[in-house]
Amino acid sequence: MVNRLRKFSIRCVYCLIDIFAVCAAIYVTCWICQHKLPFAPNFEVLFLGYRNPFQVVFALWLLAILFFNSLYGLYHTHRERLETYEVFDVLKSVTLASLVTVVAIYIFKIEDFPRSVIIFGAVINFIFLSVWRILKRFFVEYLVARGYNNFNVLIVGAGKVGQALAEEIKKRPRMGLRIAGYLDDFKTSTDPTVIGYPVLGKLSDFAEIVRKEFISEIFITIHPNSEVFLNLLEQARDLRASVRVIPQGFDLLSGEFVKYNIGFIPVLEYCREEALSLKSAGKRLFDVFFSMLFLILLSPMFVFLALLVKMDSPGPVFYFSKRYGRQGKKFAMIKFRSMRMDADEHLAALREQNEVDGPIFKIKSDPRVTKAGKLLRRYSLDELPQFFNVLVGDMSLVGPRPFPIDQIEKEDLRQLKRLEVRPGITGLWQIRGRSDISFSRLVRWDIWYINNWSFWLDMQILWQTIPVVLRGKGAY
């Protein structure tokens, strides 16, 4: 009861802040467009009706925004969702509310209402409503990361999926999820394959463990028979604990899956070919636009780096490395040359010094790397010419990194999955360790990216690449 009252109070506070933000946005809009209004804009005139023939329009606009904000769940703090999703919901809410207001103006024939007020007002409302929510998230995440309002979590299943989930939760303290441990019928805490958290018991101990550990949320990562599954759900409901289920085959999903109903039967659609084709075309347009933009903006740096390479050691400025691209097509990946001209001839003599597993060859103190090359490699500046590869369609901004042909041909069939998409300048393993991670994990992340690709995932990877490159960690 106390928890429900607290949630209701928080929603009321959010609603009041929205009312203030919308009123402030309307005031700012009217102040900007005051030469088109038949009254002097101030708060008393705008919202109390004095000498304001458009009071009803502003009131309707406010109510419409509040309605759509509530419809999109903007009066809840969803810790597991990224800020970008919440901002996108604000955009949809303000757009729909503004459209409703425009329709009402025409239906009720409200004359002389300036269209510029709707346009400017929609933009300013979006900014005000988004900014305060972003600030609110920072504040909530600050409190949650320091232990305020954290929830105890129980993971059903201590296998690969359960442990991967635990690892992802651990990386995100802003979610406020404190893992108590696992439940598993076939593993114990002494099992060497169980890492990080204890196995608290078997599925038959579910109710006892939930009470004992004060569990608020349960994640089910395995798929037991229907009787056991329904029993877990019934017990969780009686214990007032939230249940979340990891979809079976989640690692094989193509992007975001769709939920809909046939009658009263819920259906999850894992793959939709038309949507995938549209997304692929959108990704290509995104790549072309931003590769051209980066090539224009970085052209002075290209000239400087070319002079640096040329002055540091004899040989060409660029190095062309044969790689496999999409569907096994071979292409020449362009890089600023960071090694001596005879580097390939000395590769065989250095094979035994390889410091990474799998078919990739890398050593931290490679004697073939030039002085300028060390700088280029540390901050990934040698990769900048690959924007040309992106522009011509051989590569993408984000995707699995292409390996040299002689290295990839020694690997197993797992590589075939990586060749279904264009290789990328950056990817998941660039932001999660670069050269410091195992080859098997690298391949697993690349396959996960291919199966779960989305526009927002690409944006996150690109954004997180910037600090990783600036730190120079794991690059050699």
Protein backbone atom coordinates (compact mmCIF):
# COMPACT_ATOMS: atom_id res chain seq x y z
CA MET A 1 0.00 0.00 0.00
CA VAL A 2 2.82 2.38 0.93
CA ASN A 3 4.64 1.53 -2.30
CA ARG A 4 1.53 2.22 -4.40
CA LEU A 5 0.96 5.55 -2.64
CA ARG A 6 4.58 6.54 -3.27
CA LYS A 7 4.29 5.67 -6.98
CA PHE A 8 1.05 7.66 -7.25
CA SER A 9 2.69 10.65 -5.56
CA ILE A 10 5.65 10.51 -7.95
CA ARG A 11 3.30 10.39 -10.95
CA CYS A 12 1.44 13.44 -9.61
CA VAL A 13 4.73 15.33 -9.23
CA TYR A 14 5.75 14.42 -12.80
CA CYS A 15 2.36 15.61 -14.06
CA LEU A 16 2.68 18.94 -12.22
CA ILE A 17 6.16 19.48 -13.68
CA ASP A 18 4.74 18.75 -17.15
CA ILE A 19 1.96 21.31 -16.60
CA PHE A 20 4.54 23.92 -15.64
CA ALA A 21 6.80 22.96 -18.58
CA VAL A 22 3.96 23.16 -21.13
CA CYS A 23 2.74 26.50 -19.75
CA ALA A 24 6.28 27.86 -19.89
CA ALA A 25 6.68 26.56 -23.46
CA ILE A 26 3.43 28.24 -24.55
CA TYR A 27 4.51 31.48 -22.90
CA VAL A 28 7.92 31.41 -24.64
CA THR A 29 6.22 30.59 -27.95
CA CYS A 30 3.77 33.50 -27.62
CA TRP A 31 6.61 35.82 -26.66
CA ILE A 32 8.52 34.79 -29.80
CA CYS A 33 5.41 35.18 -32.00
CA GLN A 34 3.90 38.17 -30.16
CA HIS A 35 3.78 40.28 -33.33
CA LYS A 36 1.18 37.81 -34.69
CA LEU A 37 -1.02 37.74 -31.58
CA PRO A 38 -3.86 40.16 -30.71
CA PHE A 39 -2.74 40.35 -27.06
CA ALA A 40 0.42 40.93 -25.04
CA PRO A 41 1.75 37.56 -23.82
CA ASN A 42 2.08 37.07 -20.08
CA PHE A 43 1.04 34.21 -17.80
CA GLU A 44 -2.11 35.95 -16.53
CA VAL A 45 -3.36 36.75 -20.02
CA LEU A 46 -2.46 33.33 -21.45
CA PHE A 47 -4.06 31.11 -18.85
CA LEU A 48 -6.73 33.16 -17.05
CA GLY A 49 -8.45 34.32 -20.20
CA TYR A 50 -8.14 38.08 -19.93
CA ARG A 51 -8.12 39.57 -23.44
CA ASN A 52 -7.08 36.14 -24.81
CA PRO A 53 -9.38 34.71 -27.51
CA PHE A 54 -7.25 31.53 -27.74
CA GLN A 55 -7.49 30.41 -24.11
CA VAL A 56 -9.45 27.26 -25.06
CA VAL A 57 -6.82 26.30 -27.67
CA PHE A 58 -3.99 26.54 -25.14
CA ALA A 59 -6.00 24.57 -22.55
CA LEU A 60 -6.79 21.85 -25.09
CA TRP A 61 -3.14 21.69 -26.15
CA LEU A 62 -2.07 21.28 -22.53
CA LEU A 63 -4.63 18.54 -21.85
CA ALA A 64 -3.74 16.71 -25.09
CA ILE A 65 -0.04 16.66 -24.18
CA LEU A 66 -0.81 15.38 -20.68
CA PHE A 67 -3.08 12.68 -22.15
CA PHE A 68 -0.53 11.42 -24.68
CA ASN A 69 2.29 11.61 -22.12
CA SER A 70 0.23 9.33 -19.88
CA LEU A 71 -0.60 7.06 -22.82
CA TYR A 72 3.12 6.59 -23.61
CA GLY A 73 3.97 5.86 -19.97
CA LEU A 74 5.93 9.07 -19.45
CA TYR A 75 4.77 9.37 -15.84
CA HIS A 76 6.77 6.31 -14.87
CA THR A 77 10.55 6.02 -14.61
CA HIS A 78 11.53 2.94 -16.60
CA ARG A 79 15.09 2.41 -15.44
CA GLU A 80 15.77 -0.32 -17.98
CA ARG A 81 14.96 1.97 -20.93
CA LEU A 82 17.50 4.31 -22.46
CA GLU A 83 16.94 8.07 -22.40
CA THR A 84 16.66 8.08 -26.20
CA TYR A 85 13.50 5.94 -26.08
CA GLU A 86 11.87 8.26 -23.54
CA VAL A 87 12.78 11.33 -25.61
CA PHE A 88 11.32 9.64 -28.70
CA ASP A 89 8.09 9.01 -26.77
CA VAL A 90 8.01 12.72 -25.86
CA LEU A 91 8.39 13.57 -29.55
CA LYS A 92 5.47 11.29 -30.48
CA SER A 93 3.33 12.68 -27.67
CA VAL A 94 3.93 16.35 -28.56
CA THR A 95 3.41 15.67 -32.28
CA LEU A 96 0.09 13.90 -31.76
CA ALA A 97 -1.12 16.51 -29.24
CA SER A 98 -0.25 19.30 -31.69
CA LEU A 99 -2.10 17.51 -34.51
CA VAL A 100 -5.16 17.11 -32.27
CA THR A 101 -5.00 20.83 -31.48
CA VAL A 102 -4.76 21.76 -35.18
CA VAL A 103 -7.76 19.53 -35.99
CA ALA A 104 -9.75 21.17 -33.16
CA ILE A 105 -8.91 24.64 -34.49
CA TYR A 106 -10.35 23.73 -37.89
CA ILE A 107 -13.38 21.87 -36.53
CA PHE A 108 -14.42 24.70 -34.21
CA LYS A 109 -13.39 27.33 -36.79
CA ILE A 110 -11.20 29.32 -34.44
CA GLU A 111 -10.12 32.17 -36.69
CA ASP A 112 -6.83 34.05 -36.80
CA PHE A 113 -4.90 31.54 -34.72
CA PRO A 114 -1.29 31.79 -36.04
CA ARG A 115 0.06 28.51 -37.42
CA SER A 116 3.55 29.61 -36.40
CA VAL A 117 2.47 29.33 -32.74
CA ILE A 118 1.70 25.62 -33.24
CA ILE A 119 5.02 25.00 -35.04
CA PHE A 120 7.22 26.90 -32.57
CA GLY A 121 5.15 25.61 -29.64
CA ALA A 122 5.59 21.97 -30.66
CA VAL A 123 9.37 22.40 -30.89
CA ILE A 124 9.68 24.27 -27.58
CA ASN A 125 7.34 21.84 -25.80
CA PHE A 126 9.47 18.95 -27.05
CA ILE A 127 12.64 20.64 -25.79
CA PHE A 128 11.23 21.57 -22.35
CA LEU A 129 9.57 18.18 -21.75
CA SER A 130 12.67 16.28 -22.91
CA VAL A 131 15.25 18.33 -21.00
CA TRP A 132 13.57 17.99 -17.63
CA ARG A 133 13.17 14.23 -18.15
CA ILE A 134 16.85 13.84 -19.03
CA LEU A 135 17.81 15.81 -15.89
CA LYS A 136 15.36 13.70 -13.87
CA ARG A 137 17.01 10.53 -15.17
CA PHE A 138 20.47 11.77 -14.18
CA PHE A 139 19.17 12.54 -10.69
CA VAL A 140 17.37 9.18 -10.32
CA GLU A 141 20.39 7.27 -11.63
CA TYR A 142 22.63 9.14 -9.18
CA LEU A 143 20.40 8.10 -6.26
CA VAL A 144 19.90 4.52 -7.48
CA ALA A 145 23.63 3.97 -8.05
CA ARG A 146 24.13 4.88 -4.39
CA GLY A 147 21.63 2.34 -3.14
CA TYR A 148 18.39 4.32 -3.00
CA ASN A 149 15.27 2.31 -3.88
CA ASN A 150 17.20 -0.73 -5.13
CA PHE A 151 15.43 -4.05 -5.79
CA ASN A 152 16.62 -7.55 -4.99
CA VAL A 153 16.66 -9.78 -8.06
CA LEU A 154 16.48 -13.56 -8.44
CA ILE A 155 17.58 -15.19 -11.71
CA VAL A 156 15.96 -18.53 -12.53
CA GLY A 157 18.58 -20.48 -14.47
CA ALA A 158 22.35 -20.39 -13.88
CA GLY A 159 23.28 -21.32 -17.46
CA LYS A 160 24.89 -19.15 -20.12
CA VAL A 161 21.84 -16.93 -20.57
CA GLY A 162 21.36 -16.42 -16.83
CA GLN A 163 25.01 -15.56 -16.27
CA ALA A 164 25.10 -13.25 -19.29
CA LEU A 165 22.05 -11.45 -17.89
CA ALA A 166 23.74 -11.13 -14.49
CA GLU A 167 26.82 -9.65 -16.15
CA GLU A 168 24.74 -7.07 -18.04
CA ILE A 169 22.81 -6.09 -14.90
CA LYS A 170 26.08 -5.69 -12.99
CA LYS A 171 27.35 -3.25 -15.64
CA ARG A 172 24.26 -1.06 -15.16
CA PRO A 173 24.08 0.11 -11.52
CA ARG A 174 21.67 2.87 -12.65
CA MET A 175 18.96 0.20 -12.94
CA GLY A 176 19.06 -0.36 -9.19
CA LEU A 177 18.94 -4.17 -9.46
CA ARG A 178 20.84 -6.09 -6.76
CA ILE A 179 21.29 -9.75 -7.71
CA ALA A 180 20.73 -12.13 -4.80
CA GLY A 181 21.61 -15.25 -6.79
CA TYR A 182 20.29 -18.02 -9.02
CA LEU A 183 17.81 -20.86 -8.82
CA ASP A 184 18.79 -23.94 -10.81
CA ASP A 185 17.87 -27.64 -10.63
CA PHE A 186 21.14 -28.83 -12.15
CA LYS A 187 23.84 -26.49 -10.79
CA THR A 188 25.19 -25.56 -7.37
CA SER A 189 27.47 -22.79 -6.09
CA THR A 190 30.41 -25.22 -6.22
CA ASP A 191 29.90 -25.80 -9.95
CA PRO A 192 32.96 -24.26 -11.70
CA THR A 193 30.75 -23.01 -14.56
CA VAL A 194 28.77 -20.74 -12.18
CA ILE A 195 30.52 -17.39 -11.80
CA GLY A 196 29.73 -14.26 -9.83
CA TYR A 197 26.66 -15.13 -7.73
CA PRO A 198 25.58 -18.12 -5.61
CA VAL A 199 23.03 -20.76 -6.55
CA LEU A 200 20.49 -20.33 -3.73
CA GLY A 201 18.51 -23.50 -4.39
CA LYS A 202 16.30 -25.39 -6.81
CA LEU A 203 13.07 -24.30 -8.48
CA SER A 204 11.14 -26.12 -5.74
CA ASP A 205 12.67 -23.63 -3.23
CA PHE A 206 11.25 -20.65 -5.15
CA ALA A 207 8.74 -19.34 -2.58
CA GLU A 208 11.12 -19.80 0.35
CA ILE A 209 14.00 -18.00 -1.40
CA VAL A 210 11.79 -15.11 -2.53
CA ARG A 211 10.65 -14.52 1.06
CA LYS A 212 14.05 -15.08 2.63
CA GLU A 213 15.95 -12.79 0.25
CA PHE A 214 13.16 -10.15 -0.02
CA ILE A 215 13.05 -10.57 -3.80
CA SER A 216 11.18 -7.91 -5.78
CA GLU A 217 11.93 -9.02 -9.35
CA ILE A 218 12.44 -12.45 -10.92
CA PHE A 219 14.07 -13.05 -14.29
CA ILE A 220 13.29 -16.44 -15.85
CA THR A 221 16.05 -17.34 -18.31
CA ILE A 222 15.19 -21.02 -18.82
CA HIS A 223 12.08 -22.60 -20.31
CA PRO A 224 10.77 -25.39 -18.08
CA ASN A 225 7.63 -27.35 -18.88
CA SER A 226 4.35 -25.44 -18.76
CA GLU A 227 3.29 -26.87 -15.37
CA VAL A 228 6.49 -25.71 -13.65
CA PHE A 229 6.36 -22.34 -15.43
CA LEU A 230 2.74 -21.66 -14.43
CA ASN A 231 3.52 -22.71 -10.86
CA LEU A 232 6.34 -20.13 -10.73
CA LEU A 233 4.03 -17.41 -12.06
CA GLU A 234 1.29 -18.22 -9.53
CA GLN A 235 3.74 -18.20 -6.61
CA ALA A 236 5.28 -14.91 -7.79
CA ARG A 237 1.82 -13.33 -8.02
CA ASP A 238 0.95 -14.45 -4.50
CA LEU A 239 4.28 -13.06 -3.26
CA ARG A 240 3.75 -9.78 -5.15
CA ALA A 241 7.02 -10.14 -7.09
CA SER A 242 7.43 -8.98 -10.69
CA VAL A 243 8.31 -11.64 -13.27
CA ARG A 244 10.24 -11.02 -16.48
CA VAL A 245 10.94 -13.74 -19.02
CA ILE A 246 13.88 -13.86 -21.44
CA PRO A 247 12.43 -15.01 -24.80
CA GLN A 248 13.54 -18.42 -25.99
CA GLY A 249 16.08 -18.04 -28.77
CA PHE A 250 16.62 -14.35 -27.94
CA ASP A 251 20.12 -14.55 -29.43
CA LEU A 252 18.59 -15.47 -32.80
CA LEU A 253 16.15 -12.56 -32.98
CA SER A 254 16.49 -10.25 -35.98
CA GLY A 255 16.36 -6.79 -34.44
CA GLU A 256 13.35 -5.88 -32.34
CA PHE A 257 10.54 -8.42 -32.27
CA VAL A 258 6.89 -7.40 -32.50
CA LYS A 259 4.14 -8.27 -30.01
CA TYR A 260 0.51 -8.46 -31.12
CA ASN A 261 -2.63 -10.49 -30.44
CA ILE A 262 -4.73 -12.91 -32.46
CA GLY A 263 -7.95 -12.72 -30.48
CA PHE A 264 -6.86 -13.20 -26.87
CA ILE A 265 -3.67 -15.12 -27.85
CA PRO A 266 -0.46 -13.02 -27.55
CA VAL A 267 2.03 -13.55 -30.39
CA LEU A 268 5.73 -12.62 -30.65
CA GLU A 269 6.93 -12.10 -34.22
CA TYR A 270 10.68 -12.71 -34.35
CA CYS A 271 11.37 -11.93 -38.00
CA ARG A 272 9.65 -9.69 -40.52
CA GLU A 273 11.45 -9.60 -43.86
CA GLU A 274 9.80 -6.39 -45.13
CA ALA A 275 10.86 -4.53 -42.00
CA LEU A 276 14.40 -5.90 -42.30
CA SER A 277 14.67 -4.69 -45.93
CA LEU A 278 13.45 -1.23 -44.95
CA LYS A 279 15.88 -1.06 -42.04
CA SER A 280 18.75 -2.14 -44.30
CA ALA A 281 17.95 0.65 -46.76
CA GLY A 282 17.76 3.15 -43.88
CA LYS A 283 21.11 1.96 -42.55
CA ARG A 284 22.72 2.46 -45.96
CA LEU A 285 21.35 6.01 -46.27
CA PHE A 286 22.64 6.75 -42.76
CA ASP A 287 26.09 5.41 -43.71
CA VAL A 288 26.31 7.45 -46.92
CA PHE A 289 25.24 10.70 -45.28
CA PHE A 290 27.54 10.49 -42.27
CA SER A 291 30.55 9.11 -44.16
CA MET A 292 30.36 12.10 -46.52
CA LEU A 293 29.95 14.45 -43.54
CA PHE A 294 32.94 12.95 -41.69
CA LEU A 295 35.13 13.02 -44.83
CA ILE A 296 34.40 16.72 -45.29
CA LEU A 297 34.90 17.65 -41.62
CA LEU A 298 38.04 15.53 -41.20
CA SER A 299 39.72 16.54 -44.48
CA PRO A 300 42.27 18.86 -42.71
CA MET A 301 43.19 15.99 -40.37
CA PHE A 302 43.62 13.67 -43.38
CA VAL A 303 46.18 16.06 -44.86
CA PHE A 304 48.06 16.34 -41.56
CA LEU A 305 48.14 12.55 -40.98
CA ALA A 306 49.22 11.90 -44.57
CA LEU A 307 52.19 14.28 -44.10
CA LEU A 308 53.00 12.62 -40.76
CA VAL A 309 53.09 9.13 -42.32
CA LYS A 310 55.15 10.31 -45.31
CA MET A 311 57.72 12.14 -43.17
CA ASP A 312 58.05 9.32 -40.64
CA SER A 313 59.07 6.48 -42.98
CA PRO A 314 59.52 5.79 -46.70
CA GLY A 315 56.59 4.30 -48.57
CA PRO A 316 53.02 5.11 -49.57
CA VAL A 317 50.61 6.99 -47.29
CA PHE A 318 47.85 4.38 -47.51
CA TYR A 319 47.87 0.64 -46.93
CA PHE A 320 45.33 -1.54 -48.75
CA SER A 321 44.42 -4.75 -46.96
CA LYS A 322 42.37 -7.47 -48.69
CA ARG A 323 39.30 -8.36 -46.62
CA TYR A 324 36.09 -10.32 -46.96
CA GLY A 325 32.97 -8.14 -47.09
CA ARG A 326 29.27 -8.85 -47.27
CA GLN A 327 28.41 -12.26 -48.76
CA GLY A 328 32.10 -13.10 -49.12
CA LYS A 329 32.87 -10.28 -51.58
CA LYS A 330 36.55 -9.31 -51.43
CA PHE A 331 37.48 -5.65 -51.14
CA ALA A 332 40.51 -3.51 -50.31
CA MET A 333 40.17 -1.89 -46.87
CA ILE A 334 42.00 1.44 -46.73
CA LYS A 335 44.15 2.48 -43.76
CA PHE A 336 46.87 4.99 -43.10
CA ARG A 337 50.09 2.97 -43.24
CA SER A 338 51.33 2.30 -39.72
CA MET A 339 54.07 -0.29 -40.46
CA ARG A 340 57.28 -0.52 -42.44
CA MET A 341 57.05 -1.39 -46.12
CA ASP A 342 58.42 -4.91 -45.53
CA ALA A 343 55.98 -5.70 -42.69
CA ASP A 344 54.26 -8.62 -44.48
CA GLU A 345 57.60 -10.30 -45.18
CA HIS A 346 58.43 -10.47 -41.44
CA LEU A 347 54.99 -11.73 -40.34
CA ALA A 348 55.92 -15.44 -40.42
CA ALA A 349 58.88 -14.87 -38.08
CA LEU A 350 56.62 -13.22 -35.50
CA ARG A 351 53.76 -15.77 -35.52
CA GLU A 352 54.85 -17.48 -32.31
CA GLN A 353 54.68 -14.17 -30.41
CA ASN A 354 50.95 -13.73 -31.09
CA GLU A 355 49.20 -12.40 -27.94
CA VAL A 356 45.56 -13.02 -28.92
CA ASP A 357 43.70 -16.27 -29.47
CA GLY A 358 41.96 -17.41 -32.63
CA PRO A 359 43.07 -16.56 -36.16
CA ILE A 360 43.86 -12.91 -35.41
CA PHE A 361 47.51 -11.85 -35.17
CA LYS A 362 48.38 -9.03 -32.75
CA ILE A 363 51.28 -8.25 -30.44
CA LYS A 364 51.57 -5.16 -28.24
CA SER A 365 55.18 -4.33 -29.13
CA ASP A 366 55.20 -5.16 -32.83
CA PRO A 367 58.67 -4.19 -34.17
CA ARG A 368 57.20 -3.54 -37.61
CA VAL A 369 55.12 -0.57 -36.39
CA THR A 370 56.62 2.86 -37.12
CA LYS A 371 56.82 5.73 -34.64
CA ALA A 372 53.93 7.52 -36.29
CA GLY A 373 52.12 4.19 -36.55
CA LYS A 374 52.09 3.78 -32.77
CA LEU A 375 50.25 7.09 -32.42
CA LEU A 376 47.88 6.25 -35.27
CA ARG A 377 47.03 2.84 -33.83
CA ARG A 378 46.63 3.98 -30.23
CA TYR A 379 43.85 6.41 -31.15
CA SER A 380 42.57 4.45 -34.20
CA LEU A 381 43.53 7.30 -36.53
CA ASP A 382 44.79 4.76 -39.07
CA GLU A 383 41.16 3.64 -39.54
CA LEU A 384 39.85 7.04 -40.72
CA PRO A 385 40.27 6.37 -44.48
CA GLN A 386 37.70 3.58 -44.12
CA PHE A 387 35.02 6.26 -44.45
CA PHE A 388 35.81 5.95 -48.17
CA ASN A 389 35.00 2.22 -47.91
CA VAL A 390 31.70 3.13 -46.27
CA LEU A 391 30.88 5.68 -48.96
CA VAL A 392 31.37 3.19 -51.83
CA GLY A 393 29.40 0.47 -50.04
CA ASP A 394 32.12 -2.00 -49.01
CA MET A 395 31.70 -1.23 -45.32
CA SER A 396 29.25 0.28 -42.82
CA LEU A 397 29.86 2.68 -39.94
CA VAL A 398 28.87 -0.07 -37.47
CA GLY A 399 29.22 -3.81 -37.96
CA PRO A 400 31.56 -6.78 -37.42
CA ARG A 401 35.19 -5.87 -38.08
CA PRO A 402 36.59 -7.44 -41.28
CA PHE A 403 39.54 -9.79 -40.73
CA PRO A 404 42.41 -10.26 -43.21
CA ILE A 405 41.61 -12.98 -45.75
CA ASP A 406 44.52 -15.24 -44.77
CA GLN A 407 43.33 -15.15 -41.13
CA ILE A 408 39.61 -15.65 -41.71
CA GLU A 409 40.09 -18.67 -44.01
CA LYS A 410 41.61 -20.60 -41.09
CA GLU A 411 38.52 -20.16 -38.93
CA ASP A 412 35.41 -22.36 -38.72
CA LEU A 413 31.90 -21.86 -40.11
CA ARG A 414 31.02 -19.32 -37.42
CA GLN A 415 32.60 -16.75 -39.72
CA LEU A 416 29.88 -17.29 -42.33
CA LYS A 417 27.34 -15.57 -40.06
CA ARG A 418 29.61 -12.51 -39.82
CA LEU A 419 29.62 -12.26 -43.63
CA GLU A 420 25.84 -11.77 -43.85
CA VAL A 421 26.23 -8.01 -43.32
CA ARG A 422 28.65 -5.28 -44.33
CA PRO A 423 31.68 -5.10 -42.01
CA GLY A 424 31.97 -1.96 -39.89
CA ILE A 425 34.51 0.65 -38.82
CA THR A 426 33.39 0.09 -35.23
CA GLY A 427 31.31 -2.53 -33.45
CA LEU A 428 30.45 -4.12 -30.13
CA TRP A 429 33.89 -5.55 -29.45
CA GLN A 430 35.53 -2.18 -30.14
CA ILE A 431 33.61 -0.63 -27.24
CA ARG A 432 34.04 -3.66 -24.96
CA GLY A 433 37.76 -4.26 -24.92
CA ARG A 434 39.09 -4.07 -28.49
CA SER A 435 42.23 -6.26 -28.67
CA ASP A 436 41.96 -7.35 -25.01
CA ILE A 437 39.07 -9.81 -25.46
CA SER A 438 39.03 -13.44 -26.55
CA PHE A 439 38.25 -14.38 -30.13
CA SER A 440 35.31 -16.59 -29.14
CA ARG A 441 33.67 -13.70 -27.28
CA LEU A 442 34.39 -11.38 -30.19
CA VAL A 443 32.56 -13.72 -32.60
CA ARG A 444 29.68 -14.15 -30.12
CA TRP A 445 29.22 -10.39 -29.83
CA ASP A 446 29.35 -9.94 -33.61
CA ILE A 447 26.67 -12.60 -34.10
CA TRP A 448 24.53 -11.04 -31.36
CA TYR A 449 24.84 -7.67 -33.10
CA ILE A 450 23.75 -9.14 -36.45
CA ASN A 451 20.72 -10.84 -34.89
CA ASN A 452 19.68 -7.82 -32.80
CA TRP A 453 20.61 -4.90 -35.04
CA SER A 454 18.58 -1.72 -34.73
CA PHE A 455 19.12 1.97 -35.49
CA TRP A 456 19.28 2.78 -31.78
CA LEU A 457 21.91 0.07 -31.21
CA ASP A 458 24.08 1.63 -33.93
CA MET A 459 23.68 5.06 -32.32
CA GLN A 460 24.70 3.69 -28.92
CA ILE A 461 27.78 1.97 -30.36
CA LEU A 462 28.87 5.10 -32.26
CA TRP A 463 28.39 7.25 -29.16
CA GLN A 464 30.31 4.85 -26.92
CA THR A 465 33.13 4.53 -29.48
CA ILE A 466 34.20 8.15 -28.90
CA PRO A 467 35.43 7.80 -25.26
CA VAL A 468 36.92 4.36 -26.01
CA VAL A 469 39.03 5.80 -28.87
CA LEU A 470 40.06 8.84 -26.83
CA ARG A 471 41.27 6.61 -23.98
CA GLY A 472 43.24 4.43 -26.41
CA LYS A 473 42.66 1.36 -24.22
CA GLY A 474 43.15 -2.05 -25.84
CA ALA A 475 44.49 -0.61 -29.11
CA TYR A 476 47.81 -1.82 -30.51
